[in-house]
């Protein structure tokens, strides 16, 4: 039997934070303002905090929340979101040491 690589997808939380900073959704220190993203996206603060800070531990992503972040908070046109590559939002992490 062939040794099949196995892994999981991980949300690119750091990329989300960088996008918020680049768009000027920042606090007084210039960091991504998670509270403001939460308000704009219509997503709970704990969810935004987890996606931005503890993204390595995220086991599942609520698609409505992700859409709220990308479309409502980041003001990305839905058509542009549809044109995004999967790899723009997620990383692939091998769980058995193989790629």
N, C-alpha and C. Protein backbone atom coordinates (compact mmCIF):
# COMPACT_ATOMS: atom_id res chain seq x y z
N UNK A 1 0.84 -1.19 0.00
CA UNK A 1 0.00 0.00 0.00
C UNK A 1 0.88 1.25 0.00
N UNK A 2 0.49 2.20 -0.77
CA UNK A 2 1.23 3.44 -0.92
C UNK A 2 1.08 4.33 0.32
N UNK A 3 2.17 4.95 0.76
CA UNK A 3 2.14 5.88 1.90
C UNK A 3 1.62 7.23 1.40
N UNK A 4 0.37 7.51 1.69
CA UNK A 4 -0.29 8.72 1.21
C UNK A 4 -0.03 9.85 2.20
N UNK A 5 0.38 11.01 1.69
CA UNK A 5 0.58 12.14 2.60
C UNK A 5 -0.75 12.55 3.22
N UNK A 6 -0.69 12.98 4.44
CA UNK A 6 -1.90 13.49 5.08
C UNK A 6 -1.58 14.83 5.72
N UNK A 7 -2.58 15.63 5.85
CA UNK A 7 -2.37 16.95 6.42
C UNK A 7 -3.69 17.64 6.69
N UNK A 8 -3.58 18.92 6.93
CA UNK A 8 -4.77 19.72 7.20
C UNK A 8 -4.55 21.12 6.65
N UNK A 9 -5.65 21.80 6.45
CA UNK A 9 -5.57 23.20 6.04
C UNK A 9 -5.58 24.07 7.27
N UNK A 10 -4.80 25.15 7.23
CA UNK A 10 -4.73 26.09 8.34
C UNK A 10 -5.01 27.49 7.81
N UNK A 11 -5.87 28.19 8.51
CA UNK A 11 -6.21 29.56 8.17
C UNK A 11 -4.96 30.44 8.24
N UNK A 12 -4.79 31.30 7.26
CA UNK A 12 -3.66 32.23 7.27
C UNK A 12 -4.04 33.47 8.09
N UNK A 13 -4.07 33.30 9.40
CA UNK A 13 -4.46 34.37 10.30
C UNK A 13 -3.53 35.56 10.24
N UNK A 14 -2.24 35.31 10.09
CA UNK A 14 -1.28 36.40 10.00
C UNK A 14 -1.57 37.26 8.77
N UNK A 15 -1.96 36.62 7.69
CA UNK A 15 -2.30 37.35 6.47
C UNK A 15 -3.55 38.20 6.68
N UNK A 16 -4.52 37.68 7.43
CA UNK A 16 -5.72 38.47 7.73
C UNK A 16 -5.35 39.71 8.54
N UNK A 17 -4.48 39.52 9.54
CA UNK A 17 -4.04 40.66 10.36
C UNK A 17 -3.32 41.70 9.50
N UNK A 18 -2.44 41.25 8.62
CA UNK A 18 -1.69 42.16 7.75
C UNK A 18 -2.64 42.92 6.83
N UNK A 19 -3.66 42.25 6.34
CA UNK A 19 -4.64 42.91 5.47
C UNK A 19 -5.37 44.00 6.25
N UNK A 20 -5.78 43.72 7.47
CA UNK A 20 -6.45 44.73 8.30
C UNK A 20 -5.54 45.94 8.50
N UNK A 21 -4.27 45.69 8.79
CA UNK A 21 -3.32 46.81 8.97
C UNK A 21 -3.17 47.61 7.67
N UNK A 22 -3.02 46.89 6.56
CA UNK A 22 -2.83 47.55 5.27
C UNK A 22 -4.04 48.42 4.91
N UNK A 23 -5.23 47.98 5.32
CA UNK A 23 -6.46 48.73 5.03
C UNK A 23 -6.73 49.83 6.04
N UNK A 24 -5.86 49.96 7.04
CA UNK A 24 -6.02 51.02 8.03
C UNK A 24 -6.98 50.69 9.15
N UNK A 25 -7.34 49.41 9.29
CA UNK A 25 -8.22 49.00 10.40
C UNK A 25 -7.28 48.70 11.58
N UNK A 26 -6.82 49.78 12.21
CA UNK A 26 -5.77 49.65 13.23
C UNK A 26 -6.15 50.37 14.51
N UNK A 27 -5.43 50.00 15.57
CA UNK A 27 -5.58 50.70 16.83
C UNK A 27 -4.54 51.81 16.91
N UNK A 28 -4.43 52.44 18.06
CA UNK A 28 -3.49 53.55 18.22
C UNK A 28 -2.03 53.13 18.07
N UNK A 29 -1.75 51.85 18.29
CA UNK A 29 -0.38 51.34 18.17
C UNK A 29 -0.06 50.86 16.75
N UNK A 30 -1.05 50.94 15.85
CA UNK A 30 -0.84 50.50 14.48
C UNK A 30 -1.06 49.01 14.26
N UNK A 31 -1.56 48.35 15.28
CA UNK A 31 -1.86 46.92 15.16
C UNK A 31 -3.27 46.74 14.61
N UNK A 32 -3.55 45.57 14.04
CA UNK A 32 -4.89 45.29 13.54
C UNK A 32 -5.89 45.43 14.68
N UNK A 33 -6.93 46.19 14.45
CA UNK A 33 -7.95 46.43 15.46
C UNK A 33 -9.01 45.33 15.34
N UNK A 34 -8.87 44.29 16.14
CA UNK A 34 -9.77 43.14 16.07
C UNK A 34 -11.21 43.53 16.42
N UNK A 35 -11.37 44.47 17.35
CA UNK A 35 -12.72 44.92 17.72
C UNK A 35 -13.40 45.59 16.52
N UNK A 36 -12.68 46.44 15.82
CA UNK A 36 -13.25 47.12 14.65
C UNK A 36 -13.57 46.12 13.53
N UNK A 37 -12.68 45.14 13.32
CA UNK A 37 -12.95 44.09 12.33
C UNK A 37 -14.21 43.33 12.72
N UNK A 38 -14.34 43.03 14.01
CA UNK A 38 -15.52 42.32 14.51
C UNK A 38 -16.80 43.09 14.21
N UNK A 39 -16.79 44.38 14.49
CA UNK A 39 -17.97 45.21 14.25
C UNK A 39 -18.31 45.28 12.76
N UNK A 40 -17.31 45.51 11.94
CA UNK A 40 -17.54 45.63 10.50
C UNK A 40 -18.00 44.31 9.88
N UNK A 41 -17.45 43.20 10.37
CA UNK A 41 -17.75 41.89 9.79
C UNK A 41 -19.04 41.29 10.32
N UNK A 42 -19.52 41.80 11.46
CA UNK A 42 -20.69 41.19 12.08
C UNK A 42 -20.36 39.82 12.65
N UNK A 43 -19.13 39.69 13.13
CA UNK A 43 -18.61 38.42 13.66
C UNK A 43 -18.17 38.67 15.09
N UNK A 44 -18.39 37.71 15.97
CA UNK A 44 -18.05 37.91 17.37
C UNK A 44 -16.55 38.19 17.55
N UNK A 45 -16.25 39.01 18.55
CA UNK A 45 -14.86 39.33 18.85
C UNK A 45 -14.04 38.08 19.15
N UNK A 46 -14.55 37.13 19.95
CA UNK A 46 -13.75 35.92 20.20
C UNK A 46 -13.37 35.16 18.93
N UNK A 47 -14.27 35.16 17.94
CA UNK A 47 -13.95 34.50 16.68
C UNK A 47 -12.84 35.23 15.95
N UNK A 48 -12.95 36.55 15.86
CA UNK A 48 -11.90 37.35 15.20
C UNK A 48 -10.58 37.16 15.94
N UNK A 49 -10.62 37.20 17.25
CA UNK A 49 -9.41 37.03 18.04
C UNK A 49 -8.76 35.67 17.76
N UNK A 50 -9.56 34.64 17.71
CA UNK A 50 -9.03 33.30 17.43
C UNK A 50 -8.44 33.23 16.02
N UNK A 51 -9.16 33.76 15.03
CA UNK A 51 -8.67 33.72 13.65
C UNK A 51 -7.40 34.55 13.47
N UNK A 52 -7.27 35.65 14.20
CA UNK A 52 -6.11 36.52 14.05
C UNK A 52 -4.93 36.12 14.93
N UNK A 53 -5.21 35.63 16.13
CA UNK A 53 -4.13 35.38 17.09
C UNK A 53 -3.82 33.90 17.31
N UNK A 54 -4.84 33.06 17.32
CA UNK A 54 -4.64 31.63 17.62
C UNK A 54 -4.95 30.77 16.40
N UNK A 55 -4.64 31.30 15.21
CA UNK A 55 -5.02 30.63 13.97
C UNK A 55 -4.42 29.24 13.82
N UNK A 56 -3.30 28.99 14.45
CA UNK A 56 -2.69 27.65 14.36
C UNK A 56 -3.53 26.61 15.07
N UNK A 57 -4.39 27.03 15.99
CA UNK A 57 -5.25 26.11 16.74
C UNK A 57 -6.66 26.02 16.17
N UNK A 58 -6.97 26.78 15.12
CA UNK A 58 -8.31 26.77 14.55
C UNK A 58 -8.54 25.44 13.85
N UNK A 59 -9.56 24.71 14.27
CA UNK A 59 -9.88 23.40 13.68
C UNK A 59 -10.94 23.50 12.59
N UNK A 60 -11.76 24.55 12.65
CA UNK A 60 -12.78 24.73 11.63
C UNK A 60 -13.02 26.23 11.44
N UNK A 61 -13.46 26.58 10.26
CA UNK A 61 -13.72 27.98 9.93
C UNK A 61 -15.18 28.10 9.53
N UNK A 62 -15.88 29.00 10.17
CA UNK A 62 -17.27 29.27 9.83
C UNK A 62 -17.27 30.12 8.56
N UNK A 63 -17.83 29.60 7.49
CA UNK A 63 -17.76 30.28 6.20
C UNK A 63 -18.47 31.63 6.20
N UNK A 64 -19.55 31.74 6.92
CA UNK A 64 -20.23 33.04 7.01
C UNK A 64 -19.33 34.07 7.70
N UNK A 65 -18.58 33.63 8.71
CA UNK A 65 -17.65 34.53 9.39
C UNK A 65 -16.52 34.95 8.46
N UNK A 66 -15.98 34.00 7.72
CA UNK A 66 -14.91 34.32 6.78
C UNK A 66 -15.41 35.28 5.71
N UNK A 67 -16.61 35.06 5.21
CA UNK A 67 -17.20 35.98 4.23
C UNK A 67 -17.38 37.37 4.83
N UNK A 68 -17.82 37.43 6.08
CA UNK A 68 -17.99 38.72 6.75
C UNK A 68 -16.68 39.47 6.86
N UNK A 69 -15.61 38.75 7.17
CA UNK A 69 -14.29 39.39 7.28
C UNK A 69 -13.86 39.92 5.92
N UNK A 70 -13.90 39.05 4.92
CA UNK A 70 -13.38 39.43 3.60
C UNK A 70 -14.25 40.47 2.90
N UNK A 71 -15.57 40.31 2.95
CA UNK A 71 -16.46 41.19 2.19
C UNK A 71 -16.85 42.43 2.98
N UNK A 72 -17.31 42.24 4.21
CA UNK A 72 -17.81 43.38 4.97
C UNK A 72 -16.71 44.18 5.66
N UNK A 73 -15.82 43.50 6.36
CA UNK A 73 -14.77 44.23 7.10
C UNK A 73 -13.70 44.75 6.15
N UNK A 74 -13.26 43.91 5.21
CA UNK A 74 -12.18 44.31 4.30
C UNK A 74 -12.69 44.97 3.03
N UNK A 75 -14.03 45.03 2.88
CA UNK A 75 -14.67 45.67 1.73
C UNK A 75 -14.16 45.14 0.40
N UNK A 76 -13.98 43.82 0.34
CA UNK A 76 -13.59 43.16 -0.90
C UNK A 76 -14.87 42.79 -1.64
N UNK A 77 -14.94 43.10 -2.92
CA UNK A 77 -16.12 42.76 -3.71
C UNK A 77 -16.29 41.24 -3.73
N UNK A 78 -17.53 40.77 -3.60
CA UNK A 78 -17.75 39.32 -3.65
C UNK A 78 -17.13 38.65 -4.87
N UNK A 79 -17.17 39.33 -6.02
CA UNK A 79 -16.57 38.78 -7.23
C UNK A 79 -15.06 38.59 -7.06
N UNK A 80 -14.43 39.53 -6.37
CA UNK A 80 -12.98 39.43 -6.14
C UNK A 80 -12.66 38.30 -5.15
N UNK A 81 -13.53 38.11 -4.17
CA UNK A 81 -13.34 37.00 -3.24
C UNK A 81 -13.43 35.68 -4.00
N UNK A 82 -14.38 35.58 -4.91
CA UNK A 82 -14.53 34.36 -5.70
C UNK A 82 -13.32 34.11 -6.60
N UNK A 83 -12.62 35.17 -6.97
CA UNK A 83 -11.43 35.03 -7.81
C UNK A 83 -10.17 34.72 -7.00
N UNK A 84 -10.27 34.78 -5.67
CA UNK A 84 -9.11 34.49 -4.82
C UNK A 84 -8.72 33.02 -4.94
N UNK A 85 -7.43 32.77 -4.79
CA UNK A 85 -6.95 31.39 -4.76
C UNK A 85 -7.16 30.85 -3.35
N UNK A 86 -7.41 29.56 -3.26
CA UNK A 86 -7.58 28.90 -1.96
C UNK A 86 -6.37 29.18 -1.08
N UNK A 87 -5.18 29.17 -1.69
CA UNK A 87 -3.94 29.39 -0.97
C UNK A 87 -3.75 30.81 -0.48
N UNK A 88 -4.62 31.73 -0.91
CA UNK A 88 -4.55 33.09 -0.38
C UNK A 88 -5.08 33.16 1.04
N UNK A 89 -5.91 32.18 1.41
CA UNK A 89 -6.57 32.20 2.71
C UNK A 89 -6.11 31.05 3.61
N UNK A 90 -5.66 29.95 3.00
CA UNK A 90 -5.29 28.76 3.77
C UNK A 90 -3.91 28.25 3.39
N UNK A 91 -3.23 27.68 4.39
CA UNK A 91 -1.98 26.94 4.20
C UNK A 91 -2.30 25.46 4.30
N UNK A 92 -1.45 24.63 3.71
CA UNK A 92 -1.55 23.18 3.90
C UNK A 92 -0.41 22.77 4.82
N UNK A 93 -0.74 22.06 5.88
CA UNK A 93 0.24 21.62 6.86
C UNK A 93 0.24 20.09 6.88
N UNK A 94 1.38 19.50 6.58
CA UNK A 94 1.50 18.05 6.61
C UNK A 94 1.46 17.55 8.05
N UNK A 95 0.74 16.46 8.27
CA UNK A 95 0.67 15.90 9.61
C UNK A 95 1.47 14.62 9.78
N UNK A 96 2.06 14.16 8.66
CA UNK A 96 2.87 12.94 8.77
C UNK A 96 4.28 13.14 8.25
N UNK A 97 4.70 14.40 8.11
CA UNK A 97 6.06 14.69 7.69
C UNK A 97 6.31 14.57 6.21
N UNK A 98 5.26 14.30 5.44
CA UNK A 98 5.39 14.19 3.97
C UNK A 98 4.57 15.30 3.32
N UNK A 99 5.01 15.72 2.17
CA UNK A 99 4.25 16.74 1.42
C UNK A 99 3.43 16.13 0.33
